[in-house]
């Protein structure tokens, strides 16, 4: 009887062990499915987001589609922003200040870089770009992405101010294109007196960022400077800066520039030039292709901005580039997006579609681009004489100061000396704070 009971217990124990083995096997299979098989079925791509103005976001969609096809483990998304660049900057700033930014890639105007980098909102890209690769970009564009000798922005497309001139009118009157401020004023006045044009020289005189951008070229061409970024020395009240303002005042007072120029932005000046009413125009590269379909088609040319005798030309550098948000949880995936967009192939496709200015040097002489835009080799000469707006974190406030007092000087409510002295003092106080 005792032996029978023992056998029965052993049988039950064996049955339980068998069940336990089966349960353990099922559990192990479950773990294998959970950690090995299911991820292969359910793994989602890393999502990388950026914020771009709606018009350019649409132009970039073909590249977005191509990137996503080539990188199935990354999904690149562009969130569309308002067309006003200042509003885009505010949206980025707000998201960074709140500390929960949804953006991984930061699409930046060149003048935002120092502010964003100084605030600690961007990742340092210096170790991601080799010196050999950096040399393939315009030197000014790389410099525009630096802050305190570190790289925070890789250029995507460039921009630079330049002088447009009526080649046909200069040929008719026997003039070569001007090199100095004095020559520009002299030629303008002569052609106006001959009745060949209503105005000699049109430029952006409205109180906005375009006024500051335009003035940087006149300032450099006069041998002056705005703010020295390394020492924070301010040069707005120096003789060269005052002479730069006097050149603009002379153009208005002598009726070489129209009285309304103090209210003009890019488009107002473009229309005057395109309609054949002005000899010279200061503007950006976008005007060239638009003017090809105008009454002056085939009659104009471009060159670097004029300057004072003994000084050098300056072309205010603009353009947009790409950085990585410090808050991004996927910096390596974000870098893959940046490498793709800034590559030679992507830039070529984008430039052919839009007519913007590349940031890669070789593309200015690329056969496909020249076949469509034959003026790009000339454009290279202009953008290589670039002048940077001060790369300081307080740039927006410094620009506002300059705009206000420069506007007061060119409209005659203050003398150039008074305006520039006040602007310089307010800028120094800003930088001390």
Protein backbone atom coordinates (compact mmCIF):
# COMPACT_ATOMS: atom_id res chain seq x y z
CA UNK A 1 0.00 0.00 0.00
CA UNK A 2 2.80 2.36 0.97
CA UNK A 3 4.64 1.60 -2.28
CA UNK A 4 1.46 2.26 -4.29
CA UNK A 5 1.01 5.70 -2.67
CA UNK A 6 4.65 6.59 -3.39
CA UNK A 7 4.29 5.61 -7.02
CA UNK A 8 1.15 7.69 -7.32
CA UNK A 9 2.91 10.76 -5.88
CA UNK A 10 5.89 10.29 -8.19
CA UNK A 11 3.51 10.07 -11.13
CA UNK A 12 1.84 13.37 -10.13
CA UNK A 13 5.22 15.07 -9.63
CA UNK A 14 6.34 13.87 -13.06
CA UNK A 15 3.15 15.20 -14.59
CA UNK A 16 3.70 18.61 -12.97
CA UNK A 17 7.32 18.70 -14.15
CA UNK A 18 6.19 17.96 -17.68
CA UNK A 19 3.63 20.75 -17.52
CA UNK A 20 6.29 23.13 -16.11
CA UNK A 21 8.65 22.23 -18.95
CA UNK A 22 5.90 22.90 -21.46
CA UNK A 23 5.08 26.25 -19.83
CA UNK A 24 8.78 27.20 -19.78
CA UNK A 25 9.07 26.31 -23.46
CA UNK A 26 6.00 28.42 -24.27
CA UNK A 27 7.42 31.31 -22.21
CA UNK A 28 10.79 31.13 -23.97
CA UNK A 29 9.10 31.07 -27.37
CA UNK A 30 7.06 34.08 -26.28
CA UNK A 31 10.21 35.95 -25.29
CA UNK A 32 11.82 35.10 -28.60
CA UNK A 33 8.81 36.48 -30.46
CA UNK A 34 8.72 39.60 -28.31
CA UNK A 35 12.42 40.47 -28.53
CA UNK A 36 13.50 39.00 -31.85
CA UNK A 37 10.67 38.43 -34.27
CA UNK A 38 8.10 41.14 -33.47
CA UNK A 39 10.55 44.08 -33.80
CA UNK A 40 11.28 42.97 -37.34
CA UNK A 41 7.53 43.17 -38.02
CA UNK A 42 6.67 46.27 -36.01
CA UNK A 43 9.85 48.46 -35.99
CA UNK A 44 8.98 52.02 -37.02
CA UNK A 45 11.38 54.42 -38.76
CA UNK A 46 12.92 57.28 -36.79
CA UNK A 47 10.98 60.48 -37.53
CA UNK A 48 13.08 63.61 -38.17
CA UNK A 49 11.22 66.92 -38.30
CA UNK A 50 12.08 70.44 -39.35
CA UNK A 51 10.24 73.74 -39.83
CA UNK A 52 10.44 75.60 -43.16
CA UNK A 53 8.50 78.41 -44.81
CA UNK A 54 5.59 77.01 -46.80
CA UNK A 55 6.79 78.12 -50.24
CA UNK A 56 10.23 76.57 -49.85
CA UNK A 57 8.81 73.52 -48.09
CA UNK A 58 6.87 72.74 -51.26
CA UNK A 59 9.98 73.18 -53.40
CA UNK A 60 11.84 70.71 -51.18
CA UNK A 61 9.24 67.95 -51.33
CA UNK A 62 10.90 66.04 -54.22
CA UNK A 63 14.10 65.80 -52.15
CA UNK A 64 12.12 64.75 -49.08
CA UNK A 65 10.51 61.95 -51.07
CA UNK A 66 13.87 60.85 -52.48
CA UNK A 67 15.50 60.81 -49.04
CA UNK A 68 12.71 58.74 -47.52
CA UNK A 69 12.92 56.21 -50.36
CA UNK A 70 16.68 55.85 -49.86
CA UNK A 71 16.47 55.71 -46.04
CA UNK A 72 13.63 53.35 -44.99
CA UNK A 73 14.79 53.52 -41.36
CA UNK A 74 14.34 57.34 -41.26
CA UNK A 75 11.25 59.36 -42.11
CA UNK A 76 12.00 63.02 -42.84
CA UNK A 77 9.09 65.42 -42.40
CA UNK A 78 8.84 69.16 -43.09
CA UNK A 79 6.34 71.16 -41.06
CA UNK A 80 5.20 74.21 -43.03
CA UNK A 81 5.66 77.66 -41.45
CA UNK A 82 4.49 81.18 -42.39
CA UNK A 83 6.30 82.92 -45.24
CA UNK A 84 7.66 85.64 -42.93
CA UNK A 85 11.19 84.66 -41.82
CA UNK A 86 10.84 86.58 -38.55
CA UNK A 87 7.80 84.48 -37.65
CA UNK A 88 9.72 81.29 -38.40
CA UNK A 89 12.54 82.43 -36.12
CA UNK A 90 9.99 83.17 -33.38
CA UNK A 91 8.47 79.70 -33.73
CA UNK A 92 11.86 78.04 -33.39
CA UNK A 93 12.77 80.27 -30.45
CA UNK A 94 9.50 79.56 -28.63
CA UNK A 95 9.89 75.80 -29.07
CA UNK A 96 13.45 75.88 -27.69
CA UNK A 97 12.51 78.07 -24.74
CA UNK A 98 9.67 75.73 -23.80
CA UNK A 99 12.21 72.92 -23.70
CA UNK A 100 10.20 70.40 -25.68
CA UNK A 101 10.99 71.30 -29.27
CA UNK A 102 9.56 68.92 -31.88
CA UNK A 103 12.29 69.88 -34.37
CA UNK A 104 15.39 67.79 -34.97
CA UNK A 105 16.82 69.66 -37.96
CA UNK A 106 16.90 73.46 -37.72
CA UNK A 107 16.59 75.28 -41.06
CA UNK A 108 18.24 78.64 -40.38
CA UNK A 109 18.73 82.02 -41.94
CA UNK A 110 22.45 82.82 -41.72
CA UNK A 111 21.89 85.58 -39.14
CA UNK A 112 20.17 83.24 -36.65
CA UNK A 113 23.18 81.01 -36.12
CA UNK A 114 25.03 83.05 -33.44
CA UNK A 115 21.86 83.57 -31.40
CA UNK A 116 20.81 79.91 -31.51
CA UNK A 117 24.34 78.64 -30.84
CA UNK A 118 24.99 81.05 -27.96
CA UNK A 119 21.71 80.00 -26.35
CA UNK A 120 22.79 76.35 -26.43
CA UNK A 121 20.01 75.29 -28.80
CA UNK A 122 22.27 73.72 -31.45
CA UNK A 123 24.64 70.77 -31.53
CA UNK A 124 28.25 71.32 -32.51
CA UNK A 125 28.83 69.91 -36.02
CA UNK A 126 32.56 70.61 -36.16
CA UNK A 127 33.62 66.97 -35.84
CA UNK A 128 31.09 65.82 -38.44
CA UNK A 129 32.52 67.87 -41.34
CA UNK A 130 36.06 67.21 -42.52
CA UNK A 131 38.29 70.14 -43.61
CA UNK A 132 38.40 68.63 -47.12
CA UNK A 133 34.61 68.63 -47.35
CA UNK A 134 34.35 72.15 -45.91
CA UNK A 135 36.56 73.47 -48.74
CA UNK A 136 33.90 72.46 -51.27
CA UNK A 137 31.56 75.15 -49.92
CA UNK A 138 31.78 78.93 -50.30
CA UNK A 139 34.15 80.22 -47.64
CA UNK A 140 31.68 82.88 -46.50
CA UNK A 141 28.88 80.34 -46.14
CA UNK A 142 31.01 78.15 -43.87
CA UNK A 143 32.06 81.23 -41.87
CA UNK A 144 28.39 82.16 -41.53
CA UNK A 145 27.73 78.83 -39.82
CA UNK A 146 30.45 79.31 -37.21
CA UNK A 147 30.18 80.62 -33.67
CA UNK A 148 33.25 80.91 -31.43
CA UNK A 149 35.27 78.80 -33.89
CA UNK A 150 32.79 75.91 -33.88
CA UNK A 151 30.47 74.89 -36.73
CA UNK A 152 26.73 74.84 -36.01
CA UNK A 153 25.19 75.25 -39.47
CA UNK A 154 25.95 73.53 -42.76
CA UNK A 155 25.02 75.74 -45.75
CA UNK A 156 22.30 74.57 -48.12
CA UNK A 157 21.72 77.56 -50.40
CA UNK A 158 23.54 80.86 -50.56
CA UNK A 159 22.59 84.45 -51.38
CA UNK A 160 24.53 87.69 -51.84
CA UNK A 161 23.80 91.29 -52.68
CA UNK A 162 25.06 92.62 -56.02
CA UNK A 163 24.91 95.50 -58.44
CA UNK A 164 22.74 95.16 -61.56
CA UNK A 165 23.40 97.58 -64.39
CA UNK A 166 22.00 98.39 -67.83
CA UNK A 167 24.73 97.20 -70.15
CA UNK A 168 22.97 98.67 -73.20
CA UNK A 169 22.77 102.18 -71.72
CA UNK A 170 26.40 102.15 -70.59
CA UNK A 171 27.49 100.98 -74.05
CA UNK A 172 25.43 103.70 -75.72
CA UNK A 173 27.02 106.41 -73.56
CA UNK A 174 30.52 104.92 -73.81
CA UNK A 175 30.95 103.91 -70.18
CA UNK A 176 32.54 100.88 -68.54
CA UNK A 177 30.69 99.48 -65.50
CA UNK A 178 31.52 101.60 -62.42
CA UNK A 179 33.98 100.42 -59.77
CA UNK A 180 33.62 103.25 -57.26
CA UNK A 181 30.81 105.18 -55.59
CA UNK A 182 31.90 108.32 -57.41
CA UNK A 183 31.77 106.64 -60.82
CA UNK A 184 28.29 105.27 -60.13
CA UNK A 185 26.99 108.75 -59.22
CA UNK A 186 28.69 110.36 -62.23
CA UNK A 187 27.38 107.83 -64.76
CA UNK A 188 23.89 107.94 -63.25
CA UNK A 189 23.67 111.72 -63.46
CA UNK A 190 24.93 111.80 -67.04
CA UNK A 191 22.48 109.15 -68.30
CA UNK A 192 19.60 110.90 -66.51
CA UNK A 193 20.54 114.21 -68.15
CA UNK A 194 20.58 112.47 -71.52
CA UNK A 195 17.06 111.25 -70.84
CA UNK A 196 18.05 107.59 -71.00
CA UNK A 197 16.59 106.72 -67.58
CA UNK A 198 14.38 108.29 -64.93
CA UNK A 199 16.62 107.25 -62.06
CA UNK A 200 20.26 106.39 -61.72
CA UNK A 201 20.42 104.11 -58.69
CA UNK A 202 17.73 102.27 -56.71
CA UNK A 203 18.28 100.37 -53.46
CA UNK A 204 16.45 99.15 -50.35
CA UNK A 205 15.86 102.13 -48.04
CA UNK A 206 12.83 100.99 -46.06
CA UNK A 207 13.31 100.53 -42.30
CA UNK A 208 13.62 96.73 -42.14
CA UNK A 209 16.33 94.05 -42.26
CA UNK A 210 16.92 94.71 -45.96
CA UNK A 211 18.18 98.21 -45.07
CA UNK A 212 20.81 96.76 -42.73
CA UNK A 213 21.82 94.15 -45.32
CA UNK A 214 22.22 96.80 -48.01
CA UNK A 215 24.20 99.08 -45.69
CA UNK A 216 26.73 96.34 -44.82
CA UNK A 217 27.90 96.47 -48.45
CA UNK A 218 28.21 100.27 -48.51
CA UNK A 219 29.93 100.15 -45.12
CA UNK A 220 32.54 97.58 -46.18
CA UNK A 221 33.04 99.39 -49.48
CA UNK A 222 33.80 102.55 -47.49
CA UNK A 223 36.39 100.77 -45.36
CA UNK A 224 34.19 100.72 -42.28
CA UNK A 225 32.66 98.08 -40.04
CA UNK A 226 29.58 97.58 -37.87
CA UNK A 227 30.60 95.33 -34.97
CA UNK A 228 33.86 93.40 -34.64
CA UNK A 229 32.62 90.02 -33.31
CA UNK A 230 35.81 89.04 -31.46
CA UNK A 231 36.28 92.30 -29.52
CA UNK A 232 32.69 93.67 -29.77
CA UNK A 233 34.17 96.98 -30.92
CA UNK A 234 31.55 99.17 -32.63
CA UNK A 235 32.50 101.19 -35.71
CA UNK A 236 29.25 102.95 -36.65
CA UNK A 237 30.44 106.39 -35.54
CA UNK A 238 33.81 106.22 -37.29
CA UNK A 239 34.51 108.46 -40.33
CA UNK A 240 34.18 105.56 -42.81
CA UNK A 241 30.69 104.70 -41.56
CA UNK A 242 29.58 108.34 -41.73
CA UNK A 243 30.90 108.55 -45.31
CA UNK A 244 28.86 105.46 -46.18
CA UNK A 245 25.69 107.19 -44.98
CA UNK A 246 26.63 110.37 -46.82
CA UNK A 247 26.88 108.42 -50.09
CA UNK A 248 23.25 107.32 -49.68
CA UNK A 249 22.14 110.83 -48.69
CA UNK A 250 23.93 112.27 -51.75
CA UNK A 251 22.17 109.80 -54.06
CA UNK A 252 18.79 111.01 -52.76
CA UNK A 253 19.63 114.72 -52.54
CA UNK A 254 20.99 114.80 -56.11
CA UNK A 255 17.87 112.92 -57.36
CA UNK A 256 19.97 110.02 -58.59
CA UNK A 257 17.79 107.88 -56.31
CA UNK A 258 14.05 108.61 -56.11
CA UNK A 259 12.72 110.32 -52.95
CA UNK A 260 10.57 107.26 -52.31
CA UNK A 261 13.61 104.98 -52.05
CA UNK A 262 13.42 105.39 -48.26
CA UNK A 263 10.22 103.29 -48.40
CA UNK A 264 11.40 100.68 -50.91
CA UNK A 265 12.09 96.99 -50.23
CA UNK A 266 13.41 94.45 -52.76
CA UNK A 267 10.31 94.22 -54.94
CA UNK A 268 9.75 97.95 -55.38
CA UNK A 269 13.33 98.38 -56.59
CA UNK A 270 13.15 95.32 -58.82
CA UNK A 271 10.06 96.59 -60.61
CA UNK A 272 11.62 100.00 -61.28
CA UNK A 273 14.71 98.39 -62.79
CA UNK A 274 12.78 95.75 -64.76
CA UNK A 275 10.53 98.40 -66.25
CA UNK A 276 13.56 100.23 -67.63
CA UNK A 277 13.38 103.23 -65.30
CA UNK A 278 16.75 102.87 -63.53
CA UNK A 279 20.36 102.41 -64.62
CA UNK A 280 21.64 100.66 -61.49
CA UNK A 281 20.00 98.39 -58.93
CA UNK A 282 21.27 96.85 -55.71
CA UNK A 283 19.43 93.57 -55.08
CA UNK A 284 19.75 89.79 -54.67
CA UNK A 285 20.34 87.08 -57.32
CA UNK A 286 16.65 86.20 -57.68
CA UNK A 287 16.13 89.32 -59.80
CA UNK A 288 18.28 88.01 -62.65
CA UNK A 289 15.97 85.20 -63.74
CA UNK A 290 12.82 87.29 -63.24
CA UNK A 291 14.18 90.10 -65.41
CA UNK A 292 14.75 87.65 -68.27
CA UNK A 293 11.03 87.97 -68.93
CA UNK A 294 10.83 91.78 -68.94
CA UNK A 295 11.36 94.79 -71.24
CA UNK A 296 15.08 94.84 -70.36
CA UNK A 297 15.76 91.16 -71.18
CA UNK A 298 19.24 90.80 -72.63
CA UNK A 299 20.13 94.39 -71.74
CA UNK A 300 21.49 94.06 -68.20
CA UNK A 301 24.42 92.53 -66.37
CA UNK A 302 25.73 92.00 -62.83
CA UNK A 303 28.91 92.78 -60.92
CA UNK A 304 30.16 93.09 -57.33
CA UNK A 305 29.06 96.21 -55.48
CA UNK A 306 30.95 99.48 -56.01
CA UNK A 307 33.28 100.82 -53.32
CA UNK A 308 35.36 103.84 -52.32
CA UNK A 309 38.71 104.46 -53.98
CA UNK A 310 41.30 102.16 -52.45
CA UNK A 311 38.74 99.93 -50.72
CA UNK A 312 37.23 96.54 -51.62
CA UNK A 313 33.78 95.44 -52.66
CA UNK A 314 31.41 93.71 -50.24
CA UNK A 315 28.41 91.51 -50.99
CA UNK A 316 26.17 90.96 -47.97
CA UNK A 317 25.88 87.24 -47.49
CA UNK A 318 22.46 85.69 -47.04
CA UNK A 319 21.16 82.20 -47.48
CA UNK A 320 19.89 79.24 -45.48
CA UNK A 321 21.51 76.27 -43.83
CA UNK A 322 20.90 73.28 -41.60
CA UNK A 323 21.74 72.54 -37.99
CA UNK A 324 20.80 69.90 -35.40
CA UNK A 325 18.69 70.88 -32.40
CA UNK A 326 20.41 70.17 -29.07
CA UNK A 327 17.11 68.66 -27.86
CA UNK A 328 16.92 66.13 -30.72
CA UNK A 329 16.87 62.51 -29.54
CA UNK A 330 18.13 61.35 -32.95
CA UNK A 331 21.18 63.50 -33.87
CA UNK A 332 22.75 60.85 -36.10
CA UNK A 333 19.57 60.46 -38.15
CA UNK A 334 19.28 64.26 -38.32
CA UNK A 335 22.85 64.41 -39.68
CA UNK A 336 21.92 61.92 -42.39
CA UNK A 337 19.18 64.33 -43.50
CA UNK A 338 21.59 67.27 -43.49
CA UNK A 339 24.26 65.37 -45.45
CA UNK A 340 21.69 64.38 -48.06
CA UNK A 341 20.20 67.85 -48.55
CA UNK A 342 23.55 69.63 -48.70
CA UNK A 343 25.10 67.10 -51.05
CA UNK A 344 26.15 68.15 -54.55
CA UNK A 345 23.47 66.04 -56.21
CA UNK A 346 20.64 67.40 -54.04
CA UNK A 347 21.77 71.00 -54.43
CA UNK A 348 22.01 70.58 -58.21
CA UNK A 349 18.44 69.29 -58.41
CA UNK A 350 17.16 72.06 -56.14
CA UNK A 351 18.99 74.84 -58.03
CA UNK A 352 17.80 73.59 -61.42
CA UNK A 353 14.23 73.64 -60.15
CA UNK A 354 14.29 76.96 -58.26
CA UNK A 355 17.13 79.13 -59.58
CA UNK A 356 18.47 79.76 -56.08
CA UNK A 357 22.19 80.16 -55.42
CA UNK A 358 24.18 77.04 -54.48
CA UNK A 359 26.55 76.95 -51.53
CA UNK A 360 28.89 74.44 -53.22
CA UNK A 361 31.57 76.13 -55.35
CA UNK A 362 31.66 73.55 -58.17
CA UNK A 363 27.97 74.02 -58.96
CA UNK A 364 28.52 77.56 -60.25
CA UNK A 365 30.27 75.99 -63.25
CA UNK A 366 28.20 72.83 -63.44
CA UNK A 367 27.29 72.13 -67.12
CA UNK A 368 23.64 71.32 -66.37
CA UNK A 369 23.19 74.49 -64.31
CA UNK A 370 24.99 76.72 -66.81
CA UNK A 371 22.83 75.30 -69.61
CA UNK A 372 19.80 76.71 -67.80
CA UNK A 373 21.36 79.70 -65.99
CA UNK A 374 24.32 80.91 -68.03
CA UNK A 375 25.10 83.77 -65.63
CA UNK A 376 26.13 81.53 -62.71
CA UNK A 377 29.90 81.83 -63.36
CA UNK A 378 29.51 85.63 -63.01
CA UNK A 379 27.51 85.04 -59.85
CA UNK A 380 30.44 83.19 -58.30
CA UNK A 381 32.61 86.31 -58.53
CA UNK A 382 29.96 88.25 -56.61
CA UNK A 383 29.33 85.77 -53.81
CA UNK A 384 33.05 85.25 -53.23
CA UNK A 385 33.37 88.93 -52.26
CA UNK A 386 31.00 88.34 -49.38
CA UNK A 387 30.48 90.48 -46.29
CA UNK A 388 28.95 89.00 -43.15
CA UNK A 389 26.52 90.81 -40.94
CA UNK A 390 27.96 90.76 -37.38
CA UNK A 391 27.85 87.14 -36.11
CA UNK A 392 26.81 88.08 -32.56
CA UNK A 393 24.00 86.62 -30.40
CA UNK A 394 22.39 90.08 -30.08
CA UNK A 395 22.25 90.57 -33.85
CA UNK A 396 18.47 91.12 -34.05
CA UNK A 397 18.59 93.96 -31.48
CA UNK A 398 21.72 95.48 -33.05
CA UNK A 399 20.05 95.43 -36.46
CA UNK A 400 16.96 97.14 -35.06
CA UNK A 401 19.15 99.94 -33.67
CA UNK A 402 20.96 100.41 -36.97
CA UNK A 403 17.74 100.37 -38.98
CA UNK A 404 16.13 103.09 -36.87
CA UNK A 405 19.02 105.53 -36.97
CA UNK A 406 20.07 104.81 -40.54
CA UNK A 407 16.47 105.50 -41.58
CA UNK A 408 16.57 108.76 -39.64
CA UNK A 409 19.76 109.75 -41.47
CA UNK A 410 18.61 108.98 -45.02
CA UNK A 411 15.20 110.63 -44.50
CA UNK A 412 16.88 113.78 -43.16
CA UNK A 413 15.43 113.79 -39.64
CA UNK A 414 18.97 113.45 -38.25
CA UNK A 415 22.38 114.26 -39.72
CA UNK A 416 24.58 111.27 -40.62
CA UNK A 417 26.92 112.20 -37.73
CA UNK A 418 24.11 112.44 -35.16
CA UNK A 419 22.43 109.25 -36.34
CA UNK A 420 25.57 107.13 -36.42
CA UNK A 421 26.86 108.43 -33.09
CA UNK A 422 23.56 107.57 -31.39
CA UNK A 423 23.39 104.18 -33.11
CA UNK A 424 26.95 103.40 -32.01
CA UNK A 425 26.29 104.34 -28.38
CA UNK A 426 23.07 102.30 -28.19
CA UNK A 427 24.85 99.33 -29.77
CA UNK A 428 27.67 99.55 -27.21
CA UNK A 429 25.13 99.60 -24.37
CA UNK A 430 23.40 96.57 -25.88
CA UNK A 431 26.62 94.60 -26.09
CA UNK A 432 27.58 95.51 -22.50
CA UNK A 433 24.29 94.03 -21.26
